[in-house]
Amino acid sequence: MLPEEVKRLVTEGLPGCEVTAKGDGSHFELVVVGEVFRGKSPVQRQRLVYAALGDRITSGEIHAVTIKAYTPDDWDRASKLQVSS
């Protein structure tokens, strides 16, 4: 699977989010920024992203995913602190 496909799945599953996907084959790193994460715990945020990937994870097509999920405000602060994406 290509990063572009993973990005498309997350974007379709979480409309309004900005998604960056890196990786190859079955291992990916995602940065997802959106209002949908406001008021959610880190675990709840990850669950939302996993849900968008759905069957691709359960089938094993996607084996490992590192997720960094931010609200726009969180992302703005993290970017100013130069937190790696």
N, C-alpha and C. Protein backbone atom coordinates (compact mmCIF):
# COMPACT_ATOMS: atom_id res chain seq x y z
N MET A 1 0.84 -1.18 0.00
CA MET A 1 0.00 0.00 0.00
C MET A 1 0.89 1.24 0.00
N LEU A 2 0.45 2.25 -0.69
CA LEU A 2 1.21 3.50 -0.79
C LEU A 2 0.72 4.53 0.22
N PRO A 3 1.60 5.45 0.63
CA PRO A 3 1.18 6.50 1.57
C PRO A 3 -0.02 7.31 1.07
N GLU A 4 -0.09 7.52 -0.23
CA GLU A 4 -1.20 8.29 -0.79
C GLU A 4 -2.54 7.59 -0.55
N GLU A 5 -2.53 6.26 -0.61
CA GLU A 5 -3.75 5.50 -0.35
C GLU A 5 -4.16 5.61 1.11
N VAL A 6 -3.19 5.53 2.01
CA VAL A 6 -3.47 5.66 3.43
C VAL A 6 -4.02 7.06 3.72
N LYS A 7 -3.41 8.06 3.12
CA LYS A 7 -3.88 9.44 3.29
C LYS A 7 -5.32 9.57 2.82
N ARG A 8 -5.63 8.98 1.68
CA ARG A 8 -6.99 9.05 1.14
C ARG A 8 -8.00 8.40 2.10
N LEU A 9 -7.65 7.24 2.63
CA LEU A 9 -8.55 6.54 3.55
C LEU A 9 -8.84 7.39 4.79
N VAL A 10 -7.81 7.99 5.36
CA VAL A 10 -7.99 8.80 6.57
C VAL A 10 -8.77 10.07 6.23
N THR A 11 -8.46 10.69 5.12
CA THR A 11 -9.16 11.91 4.71
C THR A 11 -10.64 11.63 4.47
N GLU A 12 -10.95 10.50 3.85
CA GLU A 12 -12.35 10.14 3.62
C GLU A 12 -13.05 9.79 4.93
N GLY A 13 -12.35 9.13 5.83
CA GLY A 13 -12.94 8.73 7.10
C GLY A 13 -13.07 9.86 8.11
N LEU A 14 -12.21 10.86 7.98
CA LEU A 14 -12.23 12.02 8.89
C LEU A 14 -12.25 13.30 8.06
N PRO A 15 -13.39 13.61 7.44
CA PRO A 15 -13.48 14.81 6.60
C PRO A 15 -13.07 16.06 7.36
N GLY A 16 -12.39 16.95 6.67
CA GLY A 16 -11.96 18.21 7.27
C GLY A 16 -10.60 18.14 7.93
N CYS A 17 -10.01 16.95 7.97
CA CYS A 17 -8.68 16.81 8.58
C CYS A 17 -7.59 16.95 7.52
N GLU A 18 -6.47 17.50 7.96
CA GLU A 18 -5.27 17.52 7.12
C GLU A 18 -4.45 16.30 7.51
N VAL A 19 -4.01 15.55 6.51
CA VAL A 19 -3.32 14.29 6.77
C VAL A 19 -1.99 14.25 6.03
N THR A 20 -0.96 13.85 6.75
CA THR A 20 0.35 13.57 6.16
C THR A 20 0.65 12.11 6.44
N ALA A 21 1.01 11.37 5.40
CA ALA A 21 1.31 9.95 5.56
C ALA A 21 2.69 9.67 4.98
N LYS A 22 3.49 8.94 5.75
CA LYS A 22 4.81 8.51 5.31
C LYS A 22 4.91 7.01 5.56
N GLY A 23 5.70 6.33 4.76
CA GLY A 23 5.90 4.92 4.98
C GLY A 23 5.87 4.15 3.67
N ASP A 24 5.90 2.85 3.82
CA ASP A 24 5.85 2.01 2.63
C ASP A 24 5.34 0.62 3.01
N GLY A 25 4.76 -0.02 2.06
CA GLY A 25 4.30 -1.38 2.29
C GLY A 25 3.20 -1.44 3.33
N SER A 26 3.54 -1.82 4.55
CA SER A 26 2.52 -1.99 5.57
C SER A 26 2.81 -1.23 6.86
N HIS A 27 3.85 -0.37 6.86
CA HIS A 27 4.22 0.41 8.04
C HIS A 27 4.13 1.90 7.69
N PHE A 28 3.37 2.64 8.50
CA PHE A 28 3.13 4.04 8.18
C PHE A 28 3.21 4.93 9.41
N GLU A 29 3.55 6.20 9.16
CA GLU A 29 3.53 7.25 10.16
C GLU A 29 2.54 8.30 9.68
N LEU A 30 1.58 8.63 10.54
CA LEU A 30 0.55 9.59 10.17
C LEU A 30 0.55 10.78 11.11
N VAL A 31 0.37 11.95 10.53
CA VAL A 31 0.08 13.16 11.30
C VAL A 31 -1.29 13.61 10.80
N VAL A 32 -2.24 13.72 11.72
CA VAL A 32 -3.60 14.09 11.36
C VAL A 32 -4.00 15.28 12.21
N VAL A 33 -4.46 16.34 11.55
CA VAL A 33 -4.83 17.58 12.23
C VAL A 33 -6.28 17.91 11.91
N GLY A 34 -7.10 18.06 12.95
CA GLY A 34 -8.49 18.40 12.69
C GLY A 34 -9.26 18.73 13.95
N GLU A 35 -10.34 19.46 13.77
CA GLU A 35 -11.22 19.84 14.88
C GLU A 35 -11.89 18.63 15.50
N VAL A 36 -12.00 17.54 14.76
CA VAL A 36 -12.65 16.33 15.26
C VAL A 36 -11.99 15.82 16.54
N PHE A 37 -10.74 16.19 16.77
CA PHE A 37 -10.01 15.71 17.94
C PHE A 37 -10.20 16.58 19.19
N ARG A 38 -10.87 17.71 19.04
CA ARG A 38 -11.04 18.62 20.17
C ARG A 38 -11.82 17.92 21.29
N GLY A 39 -11.28 17.99 22.50
CA GLY A 39 -11.92 17.39 23.66
C GLY A 39 -11.72 15.89 23.79
N LYS A 40 -10.95 15.30 22.89
CA LYS A 40 -10.72 13.86 22.91
C LYS A 40 -9.36 13.55 23.55
N SER A 41 -9.30 12.42 24.24
CA SER A 41 -8.04 11.96 24.82
C SER A 41 -7.16 11.42 23.69
N PRO A 42 -5.86 11.24 23.95
CA PRO A 42 -4.99 10.66 22.92
C PRO A 42 -5.48 9.29 22.43
N VAL A 43 -5.99 8.47 23.32
CA VAL A 43 -6.49 7.15 22.92
C VAL A 43 -7.73 7.30 22.03
N GLN A 44 -8.62 8.20 22.37
CA GLN A 44 -9.81 8.43 21.55
C GLN A 44 -9.43 8.95 20.17
N ARG A 45 -8.42 9.79 20.11
CA ARG A 45 -7.95 10.32 18.83
C ARG A 45 -7.41 9.18 17.96
N GLN A 46 -6.60 8.31 18.55
CA GLN A 46 -6.05 7.19 17.80
C GLN A 46 -7.15 6.26 17.31
N ARG A 47 -8.14 6.03 18.14
CA ARG A 47 -9.25 5.16 17.73
C ARG A 47 -9.99 5.71 16.52
N LEU A 48 -10.16 7.02 16.48
CA LEU A 48 -10.81 7.64 15.32
C LEU A 48 -10.01 7.39 14.04
N VAL A 49 -8.70 7.52 14.14
CA VAL A 49 -7.85 7.30 12.96
C VAL A 49 -7.87 5.82 12.58
N TYR A 50 -7.75 4.93 13.57
CA TYR A 50 -7.81 3.49 13.28
C TYR A 50 -9.14 3.12 12.62
N ALA A 51 -10.23 3.72 13.06
CA ALA A 51 -11.54 3.43 12.48
C ALA A 51 -11.57 3.83 11.00
N ALA A 52 -10.90 4.92 10.66
CA ALA A 52 -10.86 5.35 9.27
C ALA A 52 -10.09 4.35 8.39
N LEU A 53 -9.14 3.65 9.00
CA LEU A 53 -8.35 2.66 8.26
C LEU A 53 -9.02 1.28 8.24
N GLY A 54 -9.94 1.08 9.17
CA GLY A 54 -10.81 -0.08 9.23
C GLY A 54 -10.25 -1.41 8.79
N ASP A 55 -10.83 -1.94 7.73
CA ASP A 55 -10.51 -3.28 7.24
C ASP A 55 -9.06 -3.44 6.83
N ARG A 56 -8.41 -2.35 6.46
CA ARG A 56 -7.01 -2.45 6.03
C ARG A 56 -6.11 -2.89 7.18
N ILE A 57 -6.48 -2.54 8.41
CA ILE A 57 -5.71 -2.96 9.57
C ILE A 57 -6.08 -4.39 9.94
N THR A 58 -7.38 -4.67 10.00
CA THR A 58 -7.80 -6.02 10.41
C THR A 58 -7.37 -7.08 9.41
N SER A 59 -7.25 -6.71 8.14
CA SER A 59 -6.80 -7.67 7.12
C SER A 59 -5.29 -7.88 7.14
N GLY A 60 -4.56 -6.96 7.81
CA GLY A 60 -3.11 -7.05 7.85
C GLY A 60 -2.44 -6.30 6.71
N GLU A 61 -3.24 -5.70 5.83
CA GLU A 61 -2.66 -4.91 4.73
C GLU A 61 -1.83 -3.76 5.29
N ILE A 62 -2.32 -3.17 6.37
CA ILE A 62 -1.55 -2.19 7.14
C ILE A 62 -1.18 -2.89 8.44
N HIS A 63 0.10 -3.05 8.65
CA HIS A 63 0.57 -3.81 9.82
C HIS A 63 0.85 -2.91 11.02
N ALA A 64 1.50 -1.77 10.79
CA ALA A 64 1.89 -0.89 11.89
C ALA A 64 1.64 0.56 11.49
N VAL A 65 1.06 1.30 12.44
CA VAL A 65 0.77 2.72 12.20
C VAL A 65 1.18 3.51 13.43
N THR A 66 1.97 4.54 13.22
CA THR A 66 2.28 5.49 14.27
C THR A 66 1.41 6.71 13.99
N ILE A 67 0.62 7.11 14.98
CA ILE A 67 -0.34 8.19 14.79
C ILE A 67 -0.03 9.35 15.72
N LYS A 68 0.04 10.53 15.13
CA LYS A 68 0.09 11.77 15.89
C LYS A 68 -1.13 12.57 15.46
N ALA A 69 -2.07 12.74 16.38
CA ALA A 69 -3.33 13.40 16.07
C ALA A 69 -3.46 14.67 16.90
N TYR A 70 -3.71 15.77 16.22
CA TYR A 70 -3.73 17.09 16.85
C TYR A 70 -4.99 17.86 16.48
N THR A 71 -5.42 18.74 17.38
CA THR A 71 -6.37 19.77 16.99
C THR A 71 -5.53 20.84 16.28
N PRO A 72 -6.16 21.73 15.53
CA PRO A 72 -5.37 22.80 14.90
C PRO A 72 -4.58 23.62 15.92
N ASP A 73 -5.16 23.89 17.09
CA ASP A 73 -4.44 24.65 18.12
C ASP A 73 -3.24 23.86 18.64
N ASP A 74 -3.44 22.56 18.89
CA ASP A 74 -2.33 21.70 19.33
C ASP A 74 -1.21 21.70 18.30
N TRP A 75 -1.60 21.59 17.04
CA TRP A 75 -0.62 21.53 15.95
C TRP A 75 0.17 22.83 15.86
N ASP A 76 -0.53 23.94 16.03
CA ASP A 76 0.13 25.25 15.99
C ASP A 76 1.18 25.34 17.09
N ARG A 77 0.83 24.92 18.30
CA ARG A 77 1.77 24.94 19.41
C ARG A 77 2.94 23.98 19.16
N ALA A 78 2.63 22.77 18.71
CA ALA A 78 3.68 21.78 18.45
C ALA A 78 4.64 22.27 17.37
N SER A 79 4.09 22.90 16.34
CA SER A 79 4.93 23.41 15.25
C SER A 79 5.86 24.51 15.75
N LYS A 80 5.36 25.35 16.64
CA LYS A 80 6.20 26.43 17.17
C LYS A 80 7.31 25.88 18.05
N LEU A 81 7.07 24.74 18.68
CA LEU A 81 8.09 24.10 19.51
C LEU A 81 8.99 23.19 18.69
N GLN A 82 8.71 23.14 17.40
CA GLN A 82 9.47 22.32 16.45
C GLN A 82 9.42 20.84 16.82
N VAL A 83 8.24 20.40 17.22
CA VAL A 83 8.03 18.97 17.48
C VAL A 83 8.05 18.29 16.13
N SER A 84 8.77 17.19 16.03
CA SER A 84 8.85 16.51 14.73
C SER A 84 7.50 15.95 14.37
N SER A 85 7.19 16.02 13.09
CA SER A 85 5.91 15.51 12.63
C SER A 85 6.04 14.12 12.20
